[in-house]
């Protein structure tokens, strides 16, 4: 399965372009909060404000020929999918007196950035939630995430969902995703830029509870963000994993190694060399995978490798990095 760097730019790549220097630190900060924002390439919508994908859903029908017999015409079937990005907004304000008391410009900037940091963390968490769970059909202002696209075992792409056997409402999922312009990637409107856009409004008048005026520095953040799955074969979901049934023994309880194995063989990325492939799971799942890898008496295809710019020890399954994200819930309903 391909683990090479994709040629599609990530948010960090775009941030390093000359016209994006002013938001470079912001994008790096978001990457620290959630790994999926580091991994996913971002590309402009191919239709301006939305992204359109044509999916081939059926092949033409060939026939065996016979002498003195014609060839009947046939054609395949196609389906068009439209994805639209949403825009996430936040604003932060800090009393001018809190900032101006500092003498050096860098100290003033640090105070404002510290005040804005909470806004940025909240945006990062909401964006990660959106990529997994938001549903445009029920909330038109939000982008469509992965879970609503892979939500039924009987759907056309239901074969990409592996049933972990859990019941009730204490389930979680694992995701195997290949990021590439031909597989799955983030989108943003063509007339905007990828990542966070910051607007410094300067000092603005504010009114306190008594109706008296004071001044505050205001800055606004906007993030145009969406997701498109151009080829669903490059996404597999291991659903219905019962959190309460997890054990440190891979042969007992909820066998997440078996779920990962089924996900791997359903994932088309193992046959191709495009993009970069990652497994996403929440902290509970990663912890039990760690236990099972260390306690196993036989090869579970789980290994620890050094990965990333800071050479962190990262758990891999069949060479695929397992990324820990708490945006994935442990309270999912059953996928049926």
C-alpha atoms as a PDB file:
ATOM      1  CA  UNK A   1       0.000   0.000   0.000  1.00  0.00           C
ATOM      2  CA  UNK A   2       1.382   3.383  -0.972  1.00  0.00           C
ATOM      3  CA  UNK A   3       2.882   5.464   1.799  1.00  0.00           C
ATOM      4  CA  UNK A   4       4.871   7.856  -0.362  1.00  0.00           C
ATOM      5  CA  UNK A   5       4.274  11.581  -0.235  1.00  0.00           C
ATOM      6  CA  UNK A   6       1.454  12.745  -2.454  1.00  0.00           C
ATOM      7  CA  UNK A   7       2.042  15.347  -5.125  1.00  0.00           C
ATOM      8  CA  UNK A   8      -1.072  17.158  -3.926  1.00  0.00           C
ATOM      9  CA  UNK A   9      -0.319  20.044  -1.539  1.00  0.00           C
ATOM     10  CA  UNK A  10      -1.317  19.826   2.120  1.00  0.00           C
ATOM     11  CA  UNK A  11      -2.309  22.828   4.176  1.00  0.00           C
ATOM     12  CA  UNK A  12       1.291  23.061   5.358  1.00  0.00           C
ATOM     13  CA  UNK A  13       2.571  23.068   1.786  1.00  0.00           C
ATOM     14  CA  UNK A  14       0.214  25.857   0.821  1.00  0.00           C
ATOM     15  CA  UNK A  15       1.172  27.806   3.921  1.00  0.00           C
ATOM     16  CA  UNK A  16       4.788  27.830   2.739  1.00  0.00           C
ATOM     17  CA  UNK A  17       3.870  29.553  -0.519  1.00  0.00           C
ATOM     18  CA  UNK A  18       4.985  33.215  -0.644  1.00  0.00           C
ATOM     19  CA  UNK A  19       1.480  34.666  -0.389  1.00  0.00           C
ATOM     20  CA  UNK A  20       0.658  32.598   2.697  1.00  0.00           C
ATOM     21  CA  UNK A  21       3.541  33.514   5.016  1.00  0.00           C
ATOM     22  CA  UNK A  22       1.204  35.476   7.281  1.00  0.00           C
ATOM     23  CA  UNK A  23      -0.734  32.347   8.298  1.00  0.00           C
ATOM     24  CA  UNK A  24       2.113  29.842   8.410  1.00  0.00           C
ATOM     25  CA  UNK A  25       2.177  29.691  12.213  1.00  0.00           C
ATOM     26  CA  UNK A  26      -1.592  29.263  12.346  1.00  0.00           C
ATOM     27  CA  UNK A  27      -1.552  26.239  10.048  1.00  0.00           C
ATOM     28  CA  UNK A  28       1.309  24.633  11.965  1.00  0.00           C
ATOM     29  CA  UNK A  29      -0.643  25.121  15.178  1.00  0.00           C
ATOM     30  CA  UNK A  30      -3.695  23.350  13.806  1.00  0.00           C
ATOM     31  CA  UNK A  31      -1.536  20.452  12.669  1.00  0.00           C
ATOM     32  CA  UNK A  32      -0.402  19.914  16.260  1.00  0.00           C
ATOM     33  CA  UNK A  33      -3.959  19.602  17.481  1.00  0.00           C
ATOM     34  CA  UNK A  34      -5.167  17.050  14.953  1.00  0.00           C
ATOM     35  CA  UNK A  35      -3.121  14.791  12.650  1.00  0.00           C
ATOM     36  CA  UNK A  36      -5.800  14.479   9.962  1.00  0.00           C
ATOM     37  CA  UNK A  37      -5.224  18.161   9.146  1.00  0.00           C
ATOM     38  CA  UNK A  38      -1.558  17.406   8.529  1.00  0.00           C
ATOM     39  CA  UNK A  39      -2.269  14.408   6.302  1.00  0.00           C
ATOM     40  CA  UNK A  40      -5.057  15.527   3.988  1.00  0.00           C
ATOM     41  CA  UNK A  41      -4.168  17.375   0.759  1.00  0.00           C
ATOM     42  CA  UNK A  42      -6.251  20.474   0.025  1.00  0.00           C
ATOM     43  CA  UNK A  43      -7.239  21.457  -3.499  1.00  0.00           C
ATOM     44  CA  UNK A  44      -9.409  24.160  -5.026  1.00  0.00           C
ATOM     45  CA  UNK A  45     -12.922  23.144  -6.118  1.00  0.00           C
ATOM     46  CA  UNK A  46     -13.025  22.199  -9.798  1.00  0.00           C
ATOM     47  CA  UNK A  47     -16.347  24.022 -10.281  1.00  0.00           C
ATOM     48  CA  UNK A  48     -15.496  27.218  -8.421  1.00  0.00           C
ATOM     49  CA  UNK A  49     -17.727  27.003  -5.354  1.00  0.00           C
ATOM     50  CA  UNK A  50     -18.265  23.226  -5.399  1.00  0.00           C
ATOM     51  CA  UNK A  51     -16.407  20.091  -6.434  1.00  0.00           C
ATOM     52  CA  UNK A  52     -17.913  17.646  -8.905  1.00  0.00           C
ATOM     53  CA  UNK A  53     -16.847  14.032  -9.299  1.00  0.00           C
ATOM     54  CA  UNK A  54     -18.038  11.611 -11.954  1.00  0.00           C
ATOM     55  CA  UNK A  55     -18.042   8.023 -10.701  1.00  0.00           C
ATOM     56  CA  UNK A  56     -18.329   5.061 -13.034  1.00  0.00           C
ATOM     57  CA  UNK A  57     -20.882   2.732 -11.447  1.00  0.00           C
ATOM     58  CA  UNK A  58     -21.303   0.172 -14.236  1.00  0.00           C
ATOM     59  CA  UNK A  59     -19.291  -1.154 -17.160  1.00  0.00           C
ATOM     60  CA  UNK A  60     -20.423  -1.720 -20.755  1.00  0.00           C
ATOM     61  CA  UNK A  61     -21.395  -5.296 -21.662  1.00  0.00           C
ATOM     62  CA  UNK A  62     -19.105  -7.050 -24.151  1.00  0.00           C
ATOM     63  CA  UNK A  63     -20.369 -10.028 -26.199  1.00  0.00           C
ATOM     64  CA  UNK A  64     -18.796 -13.054 -27.815  1.00  0.00           C
ATOM     65  CA  UNK A  65     -18.940 -12.633 -31.572  1.00  0.00           C
ATOM     66  CA  UNK A  66     -20.375 -14.982 -34.146  1.00  0.00           C
ATOM     67  CA  UNK A  67     -20.037 -15.050 -37.896  1.00  0.00           C
ATOM     68  CA  UNK A  68     -22.829 -13.142 -39.671  1.00  0.00           C
ATOM     69  CA  UNK A  69     -23.951 -11.580 -36.396  1.00  0.00           C
ATOM     70  CA  UNK A  70     -23.711  -7.893 -35.448  1.00  0.00           C
ATOM     71  CA  UNK A  71     -22.286  -6.288 -32.333  1.00  0.00           C
ATOM     72  CA  UNK A  72     -24.902  -4.741 -30.012  1.00  0.00           C
ATOM     73  CA  UNK A  73     -24.032  -1.342 -28.578  1.00  0.00           C
ATOM     74  CA  UNK A  74     -23.733  -0.955 -24.825  1.00  0.00           C
ATOM     75  CA  UNK A  75     -22.599   1.707 -22.435  1.00  0.00           C
ATOM     76  CA  UNK A  76     -21.548   1.991 -18.834  1.00  0.00           C
ATOM     77  CA  UNK A  77     -23.365   3.945 -16.153  1.00  0.00           C
ATOM     78  CA  UNK A  78     -22.046   6.977 -14.312  1.00  0.00           C
ATOM     79  CA  UNK A  79     -23.043   8.980 -11.290  1.00  0.00           C
ATOM     80  CA  UNK A  80     -22.193  12.579 -10.476  1.00  0.00           C
ATOM     81  CA  UNK A  81     -21.350  13.597  -6.904  1.00  0.00           C
ATOM     82  CA  UNK A  82     -21.212  17.228  -5.796  1.00  0.00           C
ATOM     83  CA  UNK A  83     -19.380  18.307  -2.659  1.00  0.00           C
ATOM     84  CA  UNK A  84     -19.505  21.808  -1.216  1.00  0.00           C
ATOM     85  CA  UNK A  85     -17.173  23.320   1.373  1.00  0.00           C
ATOM     86  CA  UNK A  86     -18.469  25.239   4.358  1.00  0.00           C
ATOM     87  CA  UNK A  87     -16.823  28.138   6.089  1.00  0.00           C
ATOM     88  CA  UNK A  88     -15.906  28.031   9.754  1.00  0.00           C
ATOM     89  CA  UNK A  89     -15.560  31.361  11.544  1.00  0.00           C
ATOM     90  CA  UNK A  90     -14.282  32.622  14.894  1.00  0.00           C
ATOM     91  CA  UNK A  91     -13.375  35.994  16.369  1.00  0.00           C
ATOM     92  CA  UNK A  92     -11.217  37.001  19.298  1.00  0.00           C
ATOM     93  CA  UNK A  93     -11.046  40.286  21.177  1.00  0.00           C
ATOM     94  CA  UNK A  94      -8.651  41.560  23.838  1.00  0.00           C
ATOM     95  CA  UNK A  95      -8.712  44.867  25.687  1.00  0.00           C
ATOM     96  CA  UNK A  96      -6.220  47.293  24.148  1.00  0.00           C
ATOM     97  CA  UNK A  97      -4.895  48.125  27.609  1.00  0.00           C
ATOM     98  CA  UNK A  98      -3.861  44.529  28.170  1.00  0.00           C
ATOM     99  CA  UNK A  99      -1.779  44.679  25.002  1.00  0.00           C
ATOM    100  CA  UNK A 100      -0.459  48.237  25.036  1.00  0.00           C
ATOM    101  CA  UNK A 101       1.057  47.887  28.488  1.00  0.00           C
ATOM    102  CA  UNK A 102       3.839  45.885  26.838  1.00  0.00           C
ATOM    103  CA  UNK A 103       6.724  47.835  25.335  1.00  0.00           C
ATOM    104  CA  UNK A 104       8.072  45.523  22.619  1.00  0.00           C
ATOM    105  CA  UNK A 105       6.098  44.778  19.457  1.00  0.00           C
ATOM    106  CA  UNK A 106       6.805  41.058  19.722  1.00  0.00           C
ATOM    107  CA  UNK A 107       5.392  41.015  23.258  1.00  0.00           C
ATOM    108  CA  UNK A 108       2.224  42.748  22.096  1.00  0.00           C
ATOM    109  CA  UNK A 109       1.878  40.198  19.290  1.00  0.00           C
ATOM    110  CA  UNK A 110       2.415  37.333  21.720  1.00  0.00           C
ATOM    111  CA  UNK A 111      -0.377  38.555  23.987  1.00  0.00           C
ATOM    112  CA  UNK A 112      -2.814  38.710  21.076  1.00  0.00           C
ATOM    113  CA  UNK A 113      -1.761  35.319  19.791  1.00  0.00           C
ATOM    114  CA  UNK A 114      -2.197  33.725  23.195  1.00  0.00           C
ATOM    115  CA  UNK A 115      -5.721  35.130  23.340  1.00  0.00           C
ATOM    116  CA  UNK A 116      -6.423  33.792  19.838  1.00  0.00           C
ATOM    117  CA  UNK A 117      -4.995  30.338  20.572  1.00  0.00           C
ATOM    118  CA  UNK A 118      -8.193  29.096  22.171  1.00  0.00           C
ATOM    119  CA  UNK A 119     -10.184  30.176  19.106  1.00  0.00           C
ATOM    120  CA  UNK A 120      -7.810  28.281  16.834  1.00  0.00           C
ATOM    121  CA  UNK A 121      -7.899  25.125  18.931  1.00  0.00           C
ATOM    122  CA  UNK A 122     -11.697  25.178  18.878  1.00  0.00           C
ATOM    123  CA  UNK A 123     -11.675  25.610  15.108  1.00  0.00           C
ATOM    124  CA  UNK A 124      -9.260  22.697  14.731  1.00  0.00           C
ATOM    125  CA  UNK A 125     -11.427  20.400  16.832  1.00  0.00           C
ATOM    126  CA  UNK A 126     -14.592  21.410  14.971  1.00  0.00           C
ATOM    127  CA  UNK A 127     -12.875  20.899  11.603  1.00  0.00           C
ATOM    128  CA  UNK A 128     -11.734  17.410  12.599  1.00  0.00           C
ATOM    129  CA  UNK A 129     -15.253  16.555  13.781  1.00  0.00           C
ATOM    130  CA  UNK A 130     -16.602  17.818  10.465  1.00  0.00           C
ATOM    131  CA  UNK A 131     -14.278  15.583   8.441  1.00  0.00           C
ATOM    132  CA  UNK A 132     -15.585  12.511  10.263  1.00  0.00           C
ATOM    133  CA  UNK A 133     -19.198  13.239  11.187  1.00  0.00           C
ATOM    134  CA  UNK A 134     -20.908  16.324   9.742  1.00  0.00           C
ATOM    135  CA  UNK A 135     -23.775  15.780   7.305  1.00  0.00           C
ATOM    136  CA  UNK A 136     -24.746  18.324   4.661  1.00  0.00           C
ATOM    137  CA  UNK A 137     -28.167  16.700   4.281  1.00  0.00           C
ATOM    138  CA  UNK A 138     -29.150  17.618   7.850  1.00  0.00           C
ATOM    139  CA  UNK A 139     -26.971  20.749   8.243  1.00  0.00           C
ATOM    140  CA  UNK A 140     -26.631  22.389   4.808  1.00  0.00           C
ATOM    141  CA  UNK A 141     -24.097  24.948   6.040  1.00  0.00           C
ATOM    142  CA  UNK A 142     -21.629  22.184   7.026  1.00  0.00           C
ATOM    143  CA  UNK A 143     -19.445  19.988   4.790  1.00  0.00           C
ATOM    144  CA  UNK A 144     -20.156  16.281   4.342  1.00  0.00           C
ATOM    145  CA  UNK A 145     -17.881  14.082   6.463  1.00  0.00           C
ATOM    146  CA  UNK A 146     -16.836  10.463   6.100  1.00  0.00           C
ATOM    147  CA  UNK A 147     -19.367   8.765   8.410  1.00  0.00           C
ATOM    148  CA  UNK A 148     -22.514   9.888   6.517  1.00  0.00           C
ATOM    149  CA  UNK A 149     -20.950   8.626   3.275  1.00  0.00           C
ATOM    150  CA  UNK A 150     -20.217   5.199   4.774  1.00  0.00           C
ATOM    151  CA  UNK A 151     -23.302   4.703   6.932  1.00  0.00           C
ATOM    152  CA  UNK A 152     -25.099   1.628   5.584  1.00  0.00           C
ATOM    153  CA  UNK A 153     -23.931  -1.934   5.039  1.00  0.00           C
ATOM    154  CA  UNK A 154     -26.459  -2.299   2.215  1.00  0.00           C
ATOM    155  CA  UNK A 155     -25.466   0.883   0.343  1.00  0.00           C
ATOM    156  CA  UNK A 156     -23.581   0.829  -2.935  1.00  0.00           C
ATOM    157  CA  UNK A 157     -20.343   1.411  -1.053  1.00  0.00           C
ATOM    158  CA  UNK A 158     -21.407  -0.789   1.878  1.00  0.00           C
ATOM    159  CA  UNK A 159     -18.709  -3.296   1.015  1.00  0.00           C
ATOM    160  CA  UNK A 160     -16.179  -0.772   2.325  1.00  0.00           C
ATOM    161  CA  UNK A 161     -17.663  -1.021   5.826  1.00  0.00           C
ATOM    162  CA  UNK A 162     -16.450  -3.825   8.107  1.00  0.00           C
ATOM    163  CA  UNK A 163     -18.880  -4.791  10.882  1.00  0.00           C
ATOM    164  CA  UNK A 164     -17.053  -5.167  14.200  1.00  0.00           C
ATOM    165  CA  UNK A 165     -20.070  -6.847  15.777  1.00  0.00           C
ATOM    166  CA  UNK A 166     -20.826  -4.295  18.493  1.00  0.00           C
ATOM    167  CA  UNK A 167     -24.286  -3.193  19.579  1.00  0.00           C
ATOM    168  CA  UNK A 168     -25.838  -0.391  21.578  1.00  0.00           C
ATOM    169  CA  UNK A 169     -24.440   3.142  21.541  1.00  0.00           C
ATOM    170  CA  UNK A 170     -20.912   2.640  22.877  1.00  0.00           C
ATOM    171  CA  UNK A 171     -19.230   1.845  19.572  1.00  0.00           C
ATOM    172  CA  UNK A 172     -16.367   3.440  17.724  1.00  0.00           C
ATOM    173  CA  UNK A 173     -14.840   3.201  14.248  1.00  0.00           C
ATOM    174  CA  UNK A 174     -11.446   2.911  12.641  1.00  0.00           C
ATOM    175  CA  UNK A 175     -10.797   4.484   9.256  1.00  0.00           C
ATOM    176  CA  UNK A 176      -8.274   3.620   6.549  1.00  0.00           C
ATOM    177  CA  UNK A 177      -7.942   6.524   4.113  1.00  0.00           C
ATOM    178  CA  UNK A 178      -5.752   7.157   1.094  1.00  0.00           C
ATOM    179  CA  UNK A 179      -5.248  10.879   0.525  1.00  0.00           C
ATOM    180  CA  UNK A 180      -4.758  11.859  -3.097  1.00  0.00           C
ATOM    181  CA  UNK A 181      -6.376  13.994  -5.780  1.00  0.00           C
ATOM    182  CA  UNK A 182      -7.807  10.806  -7.321  1.00  0.00           C
ATOM    183  CA  UNK A 183      -8.925   9.250  -4.038  1.00  0.00           C
ATOM    184  CA  UNK A 184      -9.910  11.539  -1.152  1.00  0.00           C
ATOM    185  CA  UNK A 185      -8.904  15.121  -0.366  1.00  0.00           C
ATOM    186  CA  UNK A 186      -9.986  18.420   1.183  1.00  0.00           C
ATOM    187  CA  UNK A 187     -11.570  21.142  -0.927  1.00  0.00           C
ATOM    188  CA  UNK A 188     -11.934  24.919  -0.717  1.00  0.00           C
ATOM    189  CA  UNK A 189     -13.592  27.464  -3.057  1.00  0.00           C
ATOM    190  CA  UNK A 190     -11.440  28.389  -6.010  1.00  0.00           C
ATOM    191  CA  UNK A 191     -11.613  32.111  -5.222  1.00  0.00           C
ATOM    192  CA  UNK A 192     -10.250  31.605  -1.691  1.00  0.00           C
ATOM    193  CA  UNK A 193      -7.085  30.216  -0.157  1.00  0.00           C
ATOM    194  CA  UNK A 194      -6.595  26.964   1.727  1.00  0.00           C
ATOM    195  CA  UNK A 195      -6.357  27.047   5.485  1.00  0.00           C
ATOM    196  CA  UNK A 196      -7.068  29.726   8.043  1.00  0.00           C
ATOM    197  CA  UNK A 197      -7.451  33.308   6.867  1.00  0.00           C
ATOM    198  CA  UNK A 198      -6.835  35.967   9.531  1.00  0.00           C
ATOM    199  CA  UNK A 199      -8.287  39.487   9.412  1.00  0.00           C
ATOM    200  CA  UNK A 200      -6.956  42.023  11.898  1.00  0.00           C
ATOM    201  CA  UNK A 201      -9.743  44.550  12.548  1.00  0.00           C
ATOM    202  CA  UNK A 202      -7.553  46.700  14.782  1.00  0.00           C
ATOM    203  CA  UNK A 203      -8.955  48.562  17.790  1.00  0.00           C
ATOM    204  CA  UNK A 204     -12.750  48.719  17.807  1.00  0.00           C
ATOM    205  CA  UNK A 205     -15.111  50.355  20.337  1.00  0.00           C
ATOM    206  CA  UNK A 206     -16.960  48.062  22.734  1.00  0.00           C
ATOM    207  CA  UNK A 207     -19.634  48.699  25.338  1.00  0.00           C
ATOM    208  CA  UNK A 208     -19.519  47.198  28.807  1.00  0.00           C
ATOM    209  CA  UNK A 209     -22.494  46.157  30.955  1.00  0.00           C
ATOM    210  CA  UNK A 210     -22.929  49.738  32.179  1.00  0.00           C
ATOM    211  CA  UNK A 211     -23.024  51.176  28.670  1.00  0.00           C
ATOM    212  CA  UNK A 212     -19.545  52.672  28.953  1.00  0.00           C
ATOM    213  CA  UNK A 213     -17.155  52.481  26.012  1.00  0.00           C
ATOM    214  CA  UNK A 214     -13.752  50.828  25.926  1.00  0.00           C
ATOM    215  CA  UNK A 215     -11.581  49.614  23.039  1.00  0.00           C
ATOM    216  CA  UNK A 216     -10.495  46.089  22.107  1.00  0.00           C
ATOM    217  CA  UNK A 217      -8.255  44.621  19.460  1.00  0.00           C
ATOM    218  CA  UNK A 218     -10.342  42.282  17.303  1.00  0.00           C
ATOM    219  CA  UNK A 219      -9.162  39.610  14.906  1.00  0.00           C
ATOM    220  CA  UNK A 220     -11.340  37.295  12.857  1.00  0.00           C
ATOM    221  CA  UNK A 221     -10.532  33.841  11.488  1.00  0.00           C
ATOM    222  CA  UNK A 222     -12.234  32.145   8.550  1.00  0.00           C
ATOM    223  CA  UNK A 223     -11.607  28.636   7.228  1.00  0.00           C
ATOM    224  CA  UNK A 224     -13.213  27.415   4.003  1.00  0.00           C
ATOM    225  CA  UNK A 225     -13.150  23.639   4.256  1.00  0.00           C
ATOM    226  CA  UNK A 226     -14.809  20.636   2.675  1.00  0.00           C
ATOM    227  CA  UNK A 227     -14.146  16.998   1.833  1.00  0.00           C
ATOM    228  CA  UNK A 228     -14.555  14.995  -1.335  1.00  0.00           C
ATOM    229  CA  UNK A 229     -14.300  11.231  -1.785  1.00  0.00           C
ATOM    230  CA  UNK A 230     -13.537  10.814  -5.447  1.00  0.00           C
ATOM    231  CA  UNK A 231     -13.129   7.037  -5.274  1.00  0.00           C
ATOM    232  CA  UNK A 232     -14.752   5.283  -2.330  1.00  0.00           C
ATOM    233  CA  UNK A 233     -12.552   2.198  -2.796  1.00  0.00           C
ATOM    234  CA  UNK A 234      -9.755   4.193  -1.121  1.00  0.00           C
ATOM    235  CA  UNK A 235     -11.711   4.536   2.127  1.00  0.00           C
ATOM    236  CA  UNK A 236     -12.647   1.696   4.480  1.00  0.00           C
ATOM    237  CA  UNK A 237     -14.469   1.958   7.777  1.00  0.00           C
ATOM    238  CA  UNK A 238     -14.215  -0.531  10.600  1.00  0.00           C
ATOM    239  CA  UNK A 239     -17.501   0.186  12.364  1.00  0.00           C
ATOM    240  CA  UNK A 240     -19.429  -1.215  15.348  1.00  0.00           C
ATOM    241  CA  UNK A 241     -16.357  -1.766  17.538  1.00  0.00           C
ATOM    242  CA  UNK A 242     -17.691  -2.141  21.075  1.00  0.00           C
ATOM    243  CA  UNK A 243     -15.476  -0.113  23.409  1.00  0.00           C
ATOM    244  CA  UNK A 244     -16.614  -2.098  26.460  1.00  0.00           C
ATOM    245  CA  UNK A 245     -15.567  -5.396  24.848  1.00  0.00           C
ATOM    246  CA  UNK A 246     -11.929  -4.435  24.229  1.00  0.00           C
ATOM    247  CA  UNK A 247      -9.237  -6.509  25.939  1.00  0.00           C
ATOM    248  CA  UNK A 248      -5.458  -6.634  25.907  1.00  0.00           C
ATOM    249  CA  UNK A 249      -5.644 -10.037  24.202  1.00  0.00           C
ATOM    250  CA  UNK A 250      -6.250  -9.953  20.449  1.00  0.00           C
ATOM    251  CA  UNK A 251      -7.951 -13.356  20.581  1.00  0.00           C
ATOM    252  CA  UNK A 252     -10.619 -12.280  23.077  1.00  0.00           C
ATOM    253  CA  UNK A 253     -13.308  -9.603  23.189  1.00  0.00           C
ATOM    254  CA  UNK A 254     -13.567  -7.205  20.257  1.00  0.00           C
ATOM    255  CA  UNK A 255     -10.898  -8.438  17.856  1.00  0.00           C
ATOM    256  CA  UNK A 256      -9.696  -5.214  16.292  1.00  0.00           C
ATOM    257  CA  UNK A 257      -6.833  -6.997  14.524  1.00  0.00           C
ATOM    258  CA  UNK A 258      -9.362  -8.975  12.497  1.00  0.00           C
ATOM    259  CA  UNK A 259     -11.259  -5.775  11.719  1.00  0.00           C
ATOM    260  CA  UNK A 260      -8.041  -4.101  10.533  1.00  0.00           C
ATOM    261  CA  UNK A 261      -7.217  -7.103   8.374  1.00  0.00           C
ATOM    262  CA  UNK A 262     -10.645  -7.003   6.703  1.00  0.00           C
ATOM    263  CA  UNK A 263     -10.252  -3.244   6.189  1.00  0.00           C
ATOM    264  CA  UNK A 264      -6.867  -3.763   4.573  1.00  0.00           C
ATOM    265  CA  UNK A 265      -8.145  -6.274   2.022  1.00  0.00           C
ATOM    266  CA  UNK A 266     -11.195  -4.136   1.187  1.00  0.00           C
ATOM    267  CA  UNK A 267      -8.984  -1.087   0.643  1.00  0.00           C
ATOM    268  CA  UNK A 268      -8.020  -0.501  -2.990  1.00  0.00           C
ATOM    269  CA  UNK A 269      -4.904   1.410  -1.983  1.00  0.00           C
ATOM    270  CA  UNK A 270      -3.002  -1.827  -1.343  1.00  0.00           C
ATOM    271  CA  UNK A 271      -3.129  -2.508  -5.108  1.00  0.00           C
ATOM    272  CA  UNK A 272      -1.964   0.908  -6.260  1.00  0.00           C
ATOM    273  CA  UNK A 273       0.825   3.388  -5.574  1.00  0.00           C
ATOM    274  CA  UNK A 274      -1.068   6.659  -5.350  1.00  0.00           C
ATOM    275  CA  UNK A 275      -1.172   9.067  -2.443  1.00  0.00           C
ATOM    276  CA  UNK A 276      -0.534   8.457   1.240  1.00  0.00           C
ATOM    277  CA  UNK A 277      -2.500   6.020   3.363  1.00  0.00           C
ATOM    278  CA  UNK A 278      -3.230   6.334   7.084  1.00  0.00           C
ATOM    279  CA  UNK A 279      -5.337   4.544   9.692  1.00  0.00           C
ATOM    280  CA  UNK A 280      -7.308   6.801  12.064  1.00  0.00           C
ATOM    281  CA  UNK A 281      -8.566   5.678  15.481  1.00  0.00           C
ATOM    282  CA  UNK A 282      -9.256   7.259  18.833  1.00  0.00           C
ATOM    283  CA  UNK A 283      -7.007   6.964  21.869  1.00  0.00           C
ATOM    284  CA  UNK A 284      -8.850   3.952  23.318  1.00  0.00           C
ATOM    285  CA  UNK A 285      -8.398   1.891  20.157  1.00  0.00           C
ATOM    286  CA  UNK A 286      -4.731   2.847  19.753  1.00  0.00           C
ATOM    287  CA  UNK A 287      -4.075   1.946  23.394  1.00  0.00           C
ATOM    288  CA  UNK A 288      -5.563  -1.526  23.019  1.00  0.00           C
ATOM    289  CA  UNK A 289      -3.700  -2.063  19.759  1.00  0.00           C
ATOM    290  CA  UNK A 290      -0.533  -1.223  21.667  1.00  0.00           C
ATOM    291  CA  UNK A 291      -1.426  -3.782  24.358  1.00  0.00           C
ATOM    292  CA  UNK A 292      -2.276  -6.444  21.788  1.00  0.00           C
ATOM    293  CA  UNK A 293       0.920  -5.823  19.819  1.00  0.00           C
ATOM    294  CA  UNK A 294       3.068  -6.228  22.966  1.00  0.00           C
ATOM    295  CA  UNK A 295       1.146  -9.181  24.445  1.00  0.00           C
ATOM    296  CA  UNK A 296       0.791 -11.219  21.244  1.00  0.00           C
ATOM    297  CA  UNK A 297       2.553 -14.556  20.934  1.00  0.00           C
ATOM    298  CA  UNK A 298       2.332 -14.454  17.151  1.00  0.00           C
ATOM    299  CA  UNK A 299       2.770 -11.869  14.414  1.00  0.00           C
ATOM    300  CA  UNK A 300      -0.176  -9.451  14.322  1.00  0.00           C
ATOM    301  CA  UNK A 301       1.387  -7.253  11.603  1.00  0.00           C
ATOM    302  CA  UNK A 302       1.619  -4.488  14.209  1.00  0.00           C
ATOM    303  CA  UNK A 303       5.006  -2.799  14.496  1.00  0.00           C
ATOM    304  CA  UNK A 304       6.484   0.309  16.059  1.00  0.00           C
ATOM    305  CA  UNK A 305       8.445   2.547  13.713  1.00  0.00           C
ATOM    306  CA  UNK A 306      10.029   5.949  13.913  1.00  0.00           C
ATOM    307  CA  UNK A 307       7.941   8.407  11.890  1.00  0.00           C
ATOM    308  CA  UNK A 308       7.484  12.140  11.414  1.00  0.00           C
ATOM    309  CA  UNK A 309       9.946  15.042  11.478  1.00  0.00           C
ATOM    310  CA  UNK A 310      10.594  14.565  15.193  1.00  0.00           C
ATOM    311  CA  UNK A 311      11.136  10.798  14.850  1.00  0.00           C
ATOM    312  CA  UNK A 312       8.268   9.754  17.119  1.00  0.00           C
ATOM    313  CA  UNK A 313       7.518   6.104  17.771  1.00  0.00           C
ATOM    314  CA  UNK A 314       4.349   5.366  15.805  1.00  0.00           C
ATOM    315  CA  UNK A 315       2.337   2.136  15.700  1.00  0.00           C
ATOM    316  CA  UNK A 316       1.933   0.727  12.166  1.00  0.00           C
ATOM    317  CA  UNK A 317      -0.272  -1.998  10.723  1.00  0.00           C
ATOM    318  CA  UNK A 318       1.229  -3.669   7.651  1.00  0.00           C
ATOM    319  CA  UNK A 319       3.418  -0.586   7.221  1.00  0.00           C
ATOM    320  CA  UNK A 320       0.509   1.881   7.455  1.00  0.00           C
ATOM    321  CA  UNK A 321       0.809   4.532  10.195  1.00  0.00           C
ATOM    322  CA  UNK A 322      -1.939   4.484  12.822  1.00  0.00           C
ATOM    323  CA  UNK A 323      -2.889   8.072  13.667  1.00  0.00           C
ATOM    324  CA  UNK A 324      -4.486   8.856  16.999  1.00  0.00           C
ATOM    325  CA  UNK A 325      -7.344  11.358  16.940  1.00  0.00           C
ATOM    326  CA  UNK A 326      -9.966  11.948  19.587  1.00  0.00           C
ATOM    327  CA  UNK A 327     -12.288  13.437  16.992  1.00  0.00           C
ATOM    328  CA  UNK A 328     -13.502   9.839  16.516  1.00  0.00           C
ATOM    329  CA  UNK A 329     -16.199   9.147  19.088  1.00  0.00           C
ATOM    330  CA  UNK A 330     -16.733   6.173  21.396  1.00  0.00           C
ATOM    331  CA  UNK A 331     -20.501   6.748  21.397  1.00  0.00           C
ATOM    332  CA  UNK A 332     -21.418   5.825  17.831  1.00  0.00           C
ATOM    333  CA  UNK A 333     -24.699   4.102  17.072  1.00  0.00           C
ATOM    334  CA  UNK A 334     -24.727   0.797  15.234  1.00  0.00           C
ATOM    335  CA  UNK A 335     -24.062   0.951  11.497  1.00  0.00           C
ATOM    336  CA  UNK A 336     -26.501  -1.496   9.921  1.00  0.00           C
END
